[in-house]
C-alpha atoms as a PDB file:
ATOM      1  CA  MET A   1      12.719  10.880 294.837  1.00  0.00           C
ATOM      2  CA  ARG A   2       9.328  10.090 296.339  1.00  0.00           C
ATOM      3  CA  TYR A   3       6.920  13.008 296.224  1.00  0.00           C
ATOM      4  CA  LYS A   4       3.477  12.776 297.821  1.00  0.00           C
ATOM      5  CA  GLU A   5       0.651  15.275 298.317  1.00  0.00           C
ATOM      6  CA  ILE A   6      -1.909  15.104 301.147  1.00  0.00           C
ATOM      7  CA  LYS A   7      -5.138  17.078 301.078  1.00  0.00           C
ATOM      8  CA  PRO A   8      -5.894  19.295 304.076  1.00  0.00           C
ATOM      9  CA  THR A   9      -8.954  18.947 306.294  1.00  0.00           C
ATOM     10  CA  ASN A  10     -12.050  20.917 305.336  1.00  0.00           C
ATOM     11  CA  ALA A  11     -11.268  23.499 308.015  1.00  0.00           C
ATOM     12  CA  LEU A  12      -7.998  24.354 306.251  1.00  0.00           C
ATOM     13  CA  ALA A  13      -9.013  23.848 302.615  1.00  0.00           C
ATOM     14  CA  ARG A  14      -9.658  27.575 302.138  1.00  0.00           C
ATOM     15  CA  PHE A  15      -6.059  28.382 303.048  1.00  0.00           C
ATOM     16  CA  VAL A  16      -3.930  25.316 302.285  1.00  0.00           C
ATOM     17  CA  GLU A  17      -3.754  23.663 298.867  1.00  0.00           C
ATOM     18  CA  CYS A  18      -1.958  20.615 300.223  1.00  0.00           C
ATOM     19  CA  PHE A  19       0.681  19.206 302.494  1.00  0.00           C
ATOM     20  CA  TRP A  20       3.476  17.389 300.715  1.00  0.00           C
ATOM     21  CA  THR A  21       6.453  15.217 301.502  1.00  0.00           C
ATOM     22  CA  LEU A  22       9.607  14.654 299.494  1.00  0.00           C
ATOM     23  CA  GLU A  23      11.942  11.856 300.491  1.00  0.00           C
ATOM     24  CA  ASP A  24      15.007  10.170 299.084  1.00  0.00           C
ATOM     25  CA  GLU A  25      17.670   7.815 300.311  1.00  0.00           C
ATOM     26  CA  CYS A  26      20.933   9.191 301.631  1.00  0.00           C
ATOM     27  CA  ILE A  27      22.961  10.590 298.768  1.00  0.00           C
ATOM     28  CA  SER A  28      26.466   9.215 299.183  1.00  0.00           C
ATOM     29  CA  GLN A  29      28.947  10.697 296.740  1.00  0.00           C
ATOM     30  CA  PRO A  30      32.512   9.473 296.150  1.00  0.00           C
ATOM     31  CA  ILE A  31      35.076  12.200 296.668  1.00  0.00           C
ATOM     32  CA  ASP A  32      35.914  12.351 292.944  1.00  0.00           C
ATOM     33  CA  ALA A  33      32.282  12.165 291.766  1.00  0.00           C
ATOM     34  CA  GLU A  34      30.560  14.855 289.768  1.00  0.00           C
ATOM     35  CA  PRO A  35      28.586  17.280 291.971  1.00  0.00           C
ATOM     36  CA  ILE A  36      24.870  16.655 292.395  1.00  0.00           C
ATOM     37  CA  GLN A  37      22.958  18.465 289.660  1.00  0.00           C
ATOM     38  CA  ALA A  38      21.385  21.789 290.529  1.00  0.00           C
ATOM     39  CA  GLU A  39      17.667  21.838 289.744  1.00  0.00           C
ATOM     40  CA  PRO A  40      15.301  24.791 289.214  1.00  0.00           C
ATOM     41  CA  ILE A  41      12.081  25.163 291.182  1.00  0.00           C
ATOM     42  CA  LEU A  42       9.722  27.296 289.110  1.00  0.00           C
ATOM     43  CA  PRO A  43       7.186  29.966 290.107  1.00  0.00           C
ATOM     44  CA  ASP A  44       3.731  28.445 290.604  1.00  0.00           C
ATOM     45  CA  GLY A  45       1.729  31.209 292.319  1.00  0.00           C
ATOM     46  CA  CYS A  46       1.928  29.718 295.829  1.00  0.00           C
ATOM     47  CA  VAL A  47       3.815  30.424 299.043  1.00  0.00           C
ATOM     48  CA  GLU A  48       5.344  27.404 300.774  1.00  0.00           C
ATOM     49  CA  LEU A  49       6.453  26.645 304.326  1.00  0.00           C
ATOM     50  CA  ILE A  50       9.043  23.841 304.293  1.00  0.00           C
ATOM     51  CA  LEU A  51      10.478  21.856 307.205  1.00  0.00           C
ATOM     52  CA  ASN A  52      13.688  19.964 306.480  1.00  0.00           C
ATOM     53  CA  PHE A  53      14.426  16.846 308.548  1.00  0.00           C
ATOM     54  CA  GLY A  54      17.277  15.668 306.334  1.00  0.00           C
ATOM     55  CA  ALA A  55      20.513  17.162 305.001  1.00  0.00           C
ATOM     56  CA  HIS A  56      20.545  20.825 304.092  1.00  0.00           C
ATOM     57  CA  PHE A  57      19.942  22.135 300.592  1.00  0.00           C
ATOM     58  CA  GLU A  58      22.190  24.561 298.790  1.00  0.00           C
ATOM     59  CA  GLU A  59      20.715  27.471 296.852  1.00  0.00           C
ATOM     60  CA  PHE A  60      22.540  28.838 293.835  1.00  0.00           C
ATOM     61  CA  MET A  61      22.476  32.628 293.940  1.00  0.00           C
ATOM     62  CA  THR A  62      22.402  34.982 290.961  1.00  0.00           C
ATOM     63  CA  ASN A  63      25.984  36.055 291.712  1.00  0.00           C
ATOM     64  CA  GLY A  64      27.220  32.490 291.176  1.00  0.00           C
ATOM     65  CA  HIS A  65      27.722  31.707 294.861  1.00  0.00           C
ATOM     66  CA  LYS A  66      25.997  28.923 296.803  1.00  0.00           C
ATOM     67  CA  GLU A  67      24.286  29.466 300.145  1.00  0.00           C
ATOM     68  CA  ARG A  68      23.121  26.886 302.649  1.00  0.00           C
ATOM     69  CA  GLN A  69      19.369  27.073 303.169  1.00  0.00           C
ATOM     70  CA  PRO A  70      18.002  27.115 306.730  1.00  0.00           C
ATOM     71  CA  ASN A  71      16.210  23.972 307.874  1.00  0.00           C
ATOM     72  CA  ASN A  72      12.824  25.667 308.248  1.00  0.00           C
ATOM     73  CA  ILE A  73      11.974  28.138 305.517  1.00  0.00           C
ATOM     74  CA  VAL A  74       9.237  30.189 303.937  1.00  0.00           C
ATOM     75  CA  VAL A  75       9.482  30.351 300.153  1.00  0.00           C
ATOM     76  CA  GLY A  76       7.686  33.511 299.094  1.00  0.00           C
ATOM     77  CA  GLN A  77       6.029  34.130 295.768  1.00  0.00           C
ATOM     78  CA  MET A  78       8.600  33.725 293.033  1.00  0.00           C
ATOM     79  CA  THR A  79       8.840  35.478 289.681  1.00  0.00           C
ATOM     80  CA  ARG A  80      12.057  33.676 288.738  1.00  0.00           C
ATOM     81  CA  PRO A  81      13.411  30.172 289.319  1.00  0.00           C
ATOM     82  CA  VAL A  82      15.056  29.110 292.575  1.00  0.00           C
ATOM     83  CA  VAL A  83      17.976  26.805 291.793  1.00  0.00           C
ATOM     84  CA  ILE A  84      18.758  24.291 294.531  1.00  0.00           C
ATOM     85  CA  SER A  85      20.695  21.102 295.137  1.00  0.00           C
ATOM     86  CA  PRO A  86      20.447  18.518 297.946  1.00  0.00           C
ATOM     87  CA  THR A  87      23.636  17.652 299.830  1.00  0.00           C
ATOM     88  CA  GLY A  88      22.507  14.355 301.350  1.00  0.00           C
ATOM     89  CA  SER A  89      19.355  12.572 302.436  1.00  0.00           C
ATOM     90  CA  VAL A  90      16.134  14.361 301.494  1.00  0.00           C
ATOM     91  CA  GLN A  91      13.295  14.436 304.021  1.00  0.00           C
ATOM     92  CA  LEU A  92      11.017  17.437 303.553  1.00  0.00           C
ATOM     93  CA  LEU A  93       7.555  18.313 304.816  1.00  0.00           C
ATOM     94  CA  GLY A  94       5.880  21.200 303.027  1.00  0.00           C
ATOM     95  CA  ILE A  95       2.750  23.289 303.410  1.00  0.00           C
ATOM     96  CA  ARG A  96       1.576  24.791 300.125  1.00  0.00           C
ATOM     97  CA  PHE A  97      -0.745  27.733 300.688  1.00  0.00           C
ATOM     98  CA  HIS A  98      -3.333  28.920 298.224  1.00  0.00           C
ATOM     99  CA  PRO A  99      -2.524  32.395 296.834  1.00  0.00           C
ATOM    100  CA  GLY A 100      -3.548  34.731 299.653  1.00  0.00           C
ATOM    101  CA  GLY A 101      -4.025  31.831 302.076  1.00  0.00           C
ATOM    102  CA  THR A 102      -1.236  32.752 304.484  1.00  0.00           C
ATOM    103  CA  PHE A 103      -2.946  35.627 306.281  1.00  0.00           C
ATOM    104  CA  PRO A 104      -4.047  33.700 309.418  1.00  0.00           C
ATOM    105  CA  PHE A 105      -0.486  32.455 309.928  1.00  0.00           C
ATOM    106  CA  PHE A 106       2.024  35.143 308.876  1.00  0.00           C
ATOM    107  CA  ARG A 107       1.609  38.683 310.174  1.00  0.00           C
ATOM    108  CA  VAL A 108       3.814  40.295 307.547  1.00  0.00           C
ATOM    109  CA  PRO A 109       3.033  41.896 304.174  1.00  0.00           C
ATOM    110  CA  MET A 110       3.668  39.044 301.765  1.00  0.00           C
ATOM    111  CA  GLU A 111       5.414  41.295 299.257  1.00  0.00           C
ATOM    112  CA  GLU A 112       8.311  41.477 301.752  1.00  0.00           C
ATOM    113  CA  LEU A 113       8.922  37.748 301.109  1.00  0.00           C
ATOM    114  CA  THR A 114       8.607  37.817 297.317  1.00  0.00           C
ATOM    115  CA  ASN A 115      11.600  36.286 295.500  1.00  0.00           C
ATOM    116  CA  ARG A 116      13.107  35.316 298.836  1.00  0.00           C
ATOM    117  CA  VAL A 117      13.759  32.088 300.703  1.00  0.00           C
ATOM    118  CA  THR A 118      13.522  33.198 304.335  1.00  0.00           C
ATOM    119  CA  ALA A 119      14.181  31.373 307.598  1.00  0.00           C
ATOM    120  CA  LEU A 120      10.830  30.711 309.243  1.00  0.00           C
ATOM    121  CA  GLY A 121      12.077  32.241 312.500  1.00  0.00           C
ATOM    122  CA  GLU A 122      12.689  35.546 310.748  1.00  0.00           C
ATOM    123  CA  VAL A 123       9.078  35.619 309.589  1.00  0.00           C
ATOM    124  CA  THR A 124       7.502  34.456 312.846  1.00  0.00           C
ATOM    125  CA  ALA A 125       9.682  33.104 315.654  1.00  0.00           C
ATOM    126  CA  GLU A 126       6.722  32.295 317.903  1.00  0.00           C
ATOM    127  CA  PHE A 127       4.966  30.238 315.208  1.00  0.00           C
ATOM    128  CA  GLU A 128       8.211  28.369 314.467  1.00  0.00           C
ATOM    129  CA  ARG A 129       8.619  27.444 318.157  1.00  0.00           C
ATOM    130  CA  ASP A 130       5.081  26.050 318.343  1.00  0.00           C
ATOM    131  CA  LEU A 131       5.462  24.225 315.047  1.00  0.00           C
ATOM    132  CA  ILE A 132       8.796  22.599 315.838  1.00  0.00           C
ATOM    133  CA  ALA A 133       7.661  21.570 319.320  1.00  0.00           C
ATOM    134  CA  ARG A 134       4.759  19.673 317.788  1.00  0.00           C
ATOM    135  CA  VAL A 135       6.526  17.989 314.897  1.00  0.00           C
ATOM    136  CA  ASP A 136       9.494  16.970 317.051  1.00  0.00           C
ATOM    137  CA  ALA A 137       7.106  14.908 319.171  1.00  0.00           C
ATOM    138  CA  ALA A 138       5.708  13.117 316.107  1.00  0.00           C
ATOM    139  CA  PRO A 139       7.614   9.980 315.015  1.00  0.00           C
ATOM    140  CA  SER A 140       6.238   9.634 311.454  1.00  0.00           C
ATOM    141  CA  SER A 141       5.398  11.825 308.470  1.00  0.00           C
ATOM    142  CA  SER A 142       1.652  11.229 308.847  1.00  0.00           C
ATOM    143  CA  GLN A 143       1.772  12.145 312.519  1.00  0.00           C
ATOM    144  CA  ARG A 144       3.817  15.247 311.741  1.00  0.00           C
ATOM    145  CA  ILE A 145       1.222  16.360 309.206  1.00  0.00           C
ATOM    146  CA  ALA A 146      -1.573  15.747 311.715  1.00  0.00           C
ATOM    147  CA  ALA A 147       0.290  17.824 314.298  1.00  0.00           C
ATOM    148  CA  VAL A 148       0.809  20.652 311.806  1.00  0.00           C
ATOM    149  CA  GLU A 149      -2.871  20.535 310.827  1.00  0.00           C
ATOM    150  CA  ARG A 150      -3.937  20.913 314.443  1.00  0.00           C
ATOM    151  CA  LEU A 151      -1.709  23.949 314.915  1.00  0.00           C
ATOM    152  CA  LEU A 152      -2.876  25.602 311.699  1.00  0.00           C
ATOM    153  CA  SER A 153      -6.517  24.949 312.599  1.00  0.00           C
ATOM    154  CA  GLU A 154      -5.987  26.629 315.966  1.00  0.00           C
ATOM    155  CA  ARG A 155      -4.510  29.637 314.186  1.00  0.00           C
ATOM    156  CA  VAL A 156      -7.491  29.854 311.863  1.00  0.00           C
ATOM    157  CA  ARG A 157      -9.950  29.736 314.769  1.00  0.00           C
ATOM    158  CA  ASN A 158      -8.075  32.496 316.587  1.00  0.00           C
ATOM    159  CA  SER A 159      -7.599  34.715 313.562  1.00  0.00           C
ATOM    160  CA  LYS A 160      -9.722  37.851 313.328  1.00  0.00           C
ATOM    161  CA  TYR A 161      -8.293  39.110 310.047  1.00  0.00           C
ATOM    162  CA  GLU A 162     -10.452  38.786 306.958  1.00  0.00           C
ATOM    163  CA  SER A 163      -9.626  39.492 303.336  1.00  0.00           C
ATOM    164  CA  TRP A 164     -11.523  39.367 300.046  1.00  0.00           C
ATOM    165  CA  VAL A 165      -8.300  38.762 298.133  1.00  0.00           C
ATOM    166  CA  PRO A 166      -8.223  34.930 298.440  1.00  0.00           C
ATOM    167  CA  GLU A 167     -11.607  34.666 296.718  1.00  0.00           C
ATOM    168  CA  LEU A 168     -10.346  36.661 293.754  1.00  0.00           C
ATOM    169  CA  ALA A 169      -7.094  34.691 293.724  1.00  0.00           C
ATOM    170  CA  THR A 170      -9.139  31.467 293.619  1.00  0.00           C
ATOM    171  CA  ARG A 171     -11.032  32.843 290.635  1.00  0.00           C
ATOM    172  CA  ILE A 172      -7.720  33.502 288.876  1.00  0.00           C
ATOM    173  CA  VAL A 173      -6.538  29.949 289.619  1.00  0.00           C
ATOM    174  CA  GLN A 174      -9.771  28.350 288.453  1.00  0.00           C
ATOM    175  CA  CYS A 175      -9.658  30.080 285.071  1.00  0.00           C
ATOM    176  CA  GLY A 176      -5.919  29.538 284.606  1.00  0.00           C
ATOM    177  CA  GLY A 177      -5.119  33.264 284.640  1.00  0.00           C
ATOM    178  CA  ARG A 178      -7.618  34.131 281.906  1.00  0.00           C
ATOM    179  CA  VAL A 179      -9.419  37.023 283.541  1.00  0.00           C
ATOM    180  CA  SER A 180      -9.238  40.776 283.058  1.00  0.00           C
ATOM    181  CA  MET A 181      -8.001  43.131 285.767  1.00  0.00           C
ATOM    182  CA  ASP A 182     -11.087  45.295 285.261  1.00  0.00           C
ATOM    183  CA  ALA A 183     -13.334  42.295 285.961  1.00  0.00           C
ATOM    184  CA  LEU A 184     -11.443  41.530 289.179  1.00  0.00           C
ATOM    185  CA  ALA A 185     -11.537  45.135 290.367  1.00  0.00           C
ATOM    186  CA  THR A 186     -15.264  45.342 289.622  1.00  0.00           C
ATOM    187  CA  ALA A 187     -15.934  42.094 291.519  1.00  0.00           C
ATOM    188  CA  ALA A 188     -14.083  43.497 294.551  1.00  0.00           C
ATOM    189  CA  GLY A 189     -15.616  46.972 294.261  1.00  0.00           C
ATOM    190  CA  VAL A 190     -12.199  48.655 294.272  1.00  0.00           C
ATOM    191  CA  SER A 191     -10.014  50.561 291.852  1.00  0.00           C
ATOM    192  CA  GLY A 192      -7.279  48.875 289.848  1.00  0.00           C
ATOM    193  CA  ARG A 193      -4.648  50.518 292.034  1.00  0.00           C
ATOM    194  CA  GLN A 194      -6.313  49.289 295.241  1.00  0.00           C
ATOM    195  CA  LEU A 195      -6.558  45.799 293.742  1.00  0.00           C
ATOM    196  CA  GLU A 196      -2.819  45.792 293.047  1.00  0.00           C
ATOM    197  CA  ARG A 197      -1.942  47.017 296.557  1.00  0.00           C
ATOM    198  CA  ARG A 198      -4.098  44.423 298.292  1.00  0.00           C
ATOM    199  CA  PHE A 199      -2.719  41.568 296.182  1.00  0.00           C
ATOM    200  CA  LEU A 200       0.832  42.659 296.937  1.00  0.00           C
ATOM    201  CA  ARG A 201       0.058  42.665 300.659  1.00  0.00           C
ATOM    202  CA  ASP A 202      -1.929  39.421 300.859  1.00  0.00           C
ATOM    203  CA  VAL A 203      -0.562  37.342 297.947  1.00  0.00           C
ATOM    204  CA  GLY A 204       2.925  38.777 297.434  1.00  0.00           C
ATOM    205  CA  ILE A 205       2.522  39.601 293.741  1.00  0.00           C
ATOM    206  CA  GLY A 206       0.001  41.616 291.760  1.00  0.00           C
ATOM    207  CA  PRO A 207      -3.008  39.970 290.087  1.00  0.00           C
ATOM    208  CA  LYS A 208      -1.537  40.395 286.607  1.00  0.00           C
ATOM    209  CA  SER A 209       1.662  38.622 287.659  1.00  0.00           C
ATOM    210  CA  LEU A 210      -0.370  35.790 289.186  1.00  0.00           C
ATOM    211  CA  CYS A 211      -2.269  35.422 285.901  1.00  0.00           C
ATOM    212  CA  ARG A 212       0.991  35.222 283.958  1.00  0.00           C
ATOM    213  CA  ILE A 213       2.441  32.563 286.276  1.00  0.00           C
ATOM    214  CA  LEU A 214      -0.686  30.413 286.032  1.00  0.00           C
ATOM    215  CA  ARG A 215      -0.690  30.615 282.233  1.00  0.00           C
ATOM    216  CA  PHE A 216       2.995  29.668 282.265  1.00  0.00           C
ATOM    217  CA  GLN A 217       2.287  26.646 284.471  1.00  0.00           C
ATOM    218  CA  GLN A 218      -0.418  25.404 282.096  1.00  0.00           C
ATOM    219  CA  VAL A 219       2.237  24.834 279.448  1.00  0.00           C
ATOM    220  CA  PHE A 220       3.431  21.786 281.415  1.00  0.00           C
ATOM    221  CA  GLN A 221      -0.038  20.264 281.238  1.00  0.00           C
ATOM    222  CA  ALA A 222      -0.280  20.931 277.502  1.00  0.00           C
ATOM    223  CA  PHE A 223       3.150  19.382 276.917  1.00  0.00           C
ATOM    224  CA  GLN A 224       2.236  16.307 278.951  1.00  0.00           C
ATOM    225  CA  GLN A 225      -0.862  15.897 276.803  1.00  0.00           C
ATOM    226  CA  LYS A 226       1.500  15.602 273.809  1.00  0.00           C
ATOM    227  CA  THR A 227       0.607  18.880 272.139  1.00  0.00           C
ATOM    228  CA  PHE A 228       3.932  19.446 270.405  1.00  0.00           C
ATOM    229  CA  SER A 229       3.157  22.535 268.323  1.00  0.00           C
ATOM    230  CA  TRP A 230       4.371  25.514 270.342  1.00  0.00           C
ATOM    231  CA  ALA A 231       1.967  27.807 268.494  1.00  0.00           C
ATOM    232  CA  ALA A 232      -0.921  25.515 269.498  1.00  0.00           C
ATOM    233  CA  VAL A 233       0.336  25.301 273.087  1.00  0.00           C
ATOM    234  CA  ALA A 234       0.534  29.103 273.248  1.00  0.00           C
ATOM    235  CA  ALA A 235      -3.038  29.449 272.026  1.00  0.00           C
ATOM    236  CA  ASP A 236      -4.359  26.706 274.316  1.00  0.00           C
ATOM    237  CA  CYS A 237      -2.756  28.320 277.363  1.00  0.00           C
ATOM    238  CA  GLY A 238      -4.088  31.802 276.679  1.00  0.00           C
ATOM    239  CA  TYR A 239      -1.011  33.423 275.137  1.00  0.00           C
ATOM    240  CA  TYR A 240      -1.362  36.010 272.412  1.00  0.00           C
ATOM    241  CA  ASP A 241       1.328  34.230 270.403  1.00  0.00           C
ATOM    242  CA  GLN A 242       4.361  31.961 270.720  1.00  0.00           C
ATOM    243  CA  ALA A 243       6.687  34.920 271.357  1.00  0.00           C
ATOM    244  CA  HIS A 244       4.780  35.819 274.521  1.00  0.00           C
ATOM    245  CA  LEU A 245       5.049  32.227 275.755  1.00  0.00           C
ATOM    246  CA  ILE A 246       8.814  32.236 275.211  1.00  0.00           C
ATOM    247  CA  ARG A 247       9.137  35.589 276.992  1.00  0.00           C
ATOM    248  CA  ASP A 248       7.410  34.201 280.089  1.00  0.00           C
ATOM    249  CA  PHE A 249       9.613  31.082 280.045  1.00  0.00           C
ATOM    250  CA  GLN A 250      12.719  33.234 279.915  1.00  0.00           C
ATOM    251  CA  GLN A 251      11.550  35.140 282.990  1.00  0.00           C
ATOM    252  CA  PHE A 252      10.017  32.363 285.070  1.00  0.00           C
ATOM    253  CA  ALA A 253      12.310  29.470 284.075  1.00  0.00           C
ATOM    254  CA  GLY A 254      15.448  31.246 282.875  1.00  0.00           C
ATOM    255  CA  GLN A 255      15.515  29.161 279.687  1.00  0.00           C
ATOM    256  CA  THR A 256      13.499  28.295 276.595  1.00  0.00           C
ATOM    257  CA  PRO A 257      10.497  25.942 276.798  1.00  0.00           C
ATOM    258  CA  ALA A 258      12.189  23.283 274.658  1.00  0.00           C
ATOM    259  CA  SER A 259      15.352  23.313 276.780  1.00  0.00           C
ATOM    260  CA  LEU A 260      13.496  23.034 280.076  1.00  0.00           C
ATOM    261  CA  LEU A 261      11.000  20.392 279.010  1.00  0.00           C
ATOM    262  CA  GLU A 262      13.580  18.208 277.292  1.00  0.00           C
ATOM    263  CA  ASN A 263      15.927  18.252 280.296  1.00  0.00           C
ATOM    264  CA  SER A 264      13.520  18.433 283.209  1.00  0.00           C
ATOM    265  CA  SER A 265      14.307  16.580 286.431  1.00  0.00           C
ATOM    266  CA  ALA A 266      12.164  14.677 288.903  1.00  0.00           C
ATOM    267  CA  LEU A 267      12.585  17.440 291.486  1.00  0.00           C
ATOM    268  CA  THR A 268      11.561  20.185 289.060  1.00  0.00           C
ATOM    269  CA  GLU A 269       8.580  18.200 287.791  1.00  0.00           C
ATOM    270  CA  SER A 270       7.315  17.496 291.315  1.00  0.00           C
ATOM    271  CA  PHE A 271       6.674  21.190 291.838  1.00  0.00           C
ATOM    272  CA  THR A 272       4.918  22.118 288.613  1.00  0.00           C
ATOM    273  CA  ARG A 273       1.165  22.432 288.402  1.00  0.00           C
ATOM    274  CA  LYS A 274       0.822  19.731 285.757  1.00  0.00           C
ATOM    275  CA  ASN A 275      -0.180  17.268 288.465  1.00  0.00           C
ATOM    276  CA  ARG A 276      -2.773  19.692 289.856  1.00  0.00           C
ATOM    277  CA  ARG A 277      -5.283  19.487 287.046  1.00  0.00           C
ATOM    278  CA  SER A 278      -8.273  20.328 289.232  1.00  0.00           C
ATOM    279  CA  ASP A 279      -6.935  23.843 289.650  1.00  0.00           C
ATOM    280  CA  PHE A 280      -7.946  24.784 286.132  1.00  0.00           C
ATOM    281  CA  SER A 281     -11.242  24.698 284.345  1.00  0.00           C
ATOM    282  CA  ASN A 282     -12.644  26.097 281.133  1.00  0.00           C
ATOM    283  CA  THR A 283     -15.002  28.374 283.012  1.00  0.00           C
ATOM    284  CA  PRO A 284     -15.216  31.696 281.125  1.00  0.00           C
ATOM    285  CA  ALA A 285     -13.622  34.626 282.952  1.00  0.00           C
END
């Protein structure tokens, strides 16, 4: 699969982390072939809007059933893996929003979308109509992205809603989740309870959950840098001990770190933060 990220224009950089495309040739399976492997997409702290121009994807539900995903979807904040499988040619265009960066575009409390893959039309039918009208007139991926950027920029210019939450969410991202809740509440001038409520509304998860997900995602960077001691990885990524790292993997990945990292797939790896090194710094919280 060919995965590519495209940086947004400066006007959108506050809200959009990147645009991305994922493409693959038509998957042609003999009738007696093994089914295409299901692959987990892991929580990464972002909300995504995905347009599918290829064959549909199937999502494996917790009850063991499979459901066909809509073509145009919003993937809310996730605190568990989403297990999916392509059924044919893959041709996706995605918009990855910064935590809290959706507020000029979606007029719904983001907690309503958490742990859900929702048809875009159910979130905002009017926005979907405008979006599809523009991308349908664009013959190439680059032109589709340019059309989407223009629409998003118009939404930003017309938006009157402001929030201090994205700034705090950016602080959490920059320090890899290593910040205290008291420090965040003090920076915002609100109580801990107000901080939690505003994050749920604007980000979709609370600040503590976002910190945990970002620490979890750093494990992939540490592993790629060939740090093979799990105790050392836990310490490097801000975990109290190895047991806490394993606990987060069980929740966010549904399996142990060794199992996931030894059997990871190209699709799973495309959507981890290990390729987004600039997100993290060693700036003290």
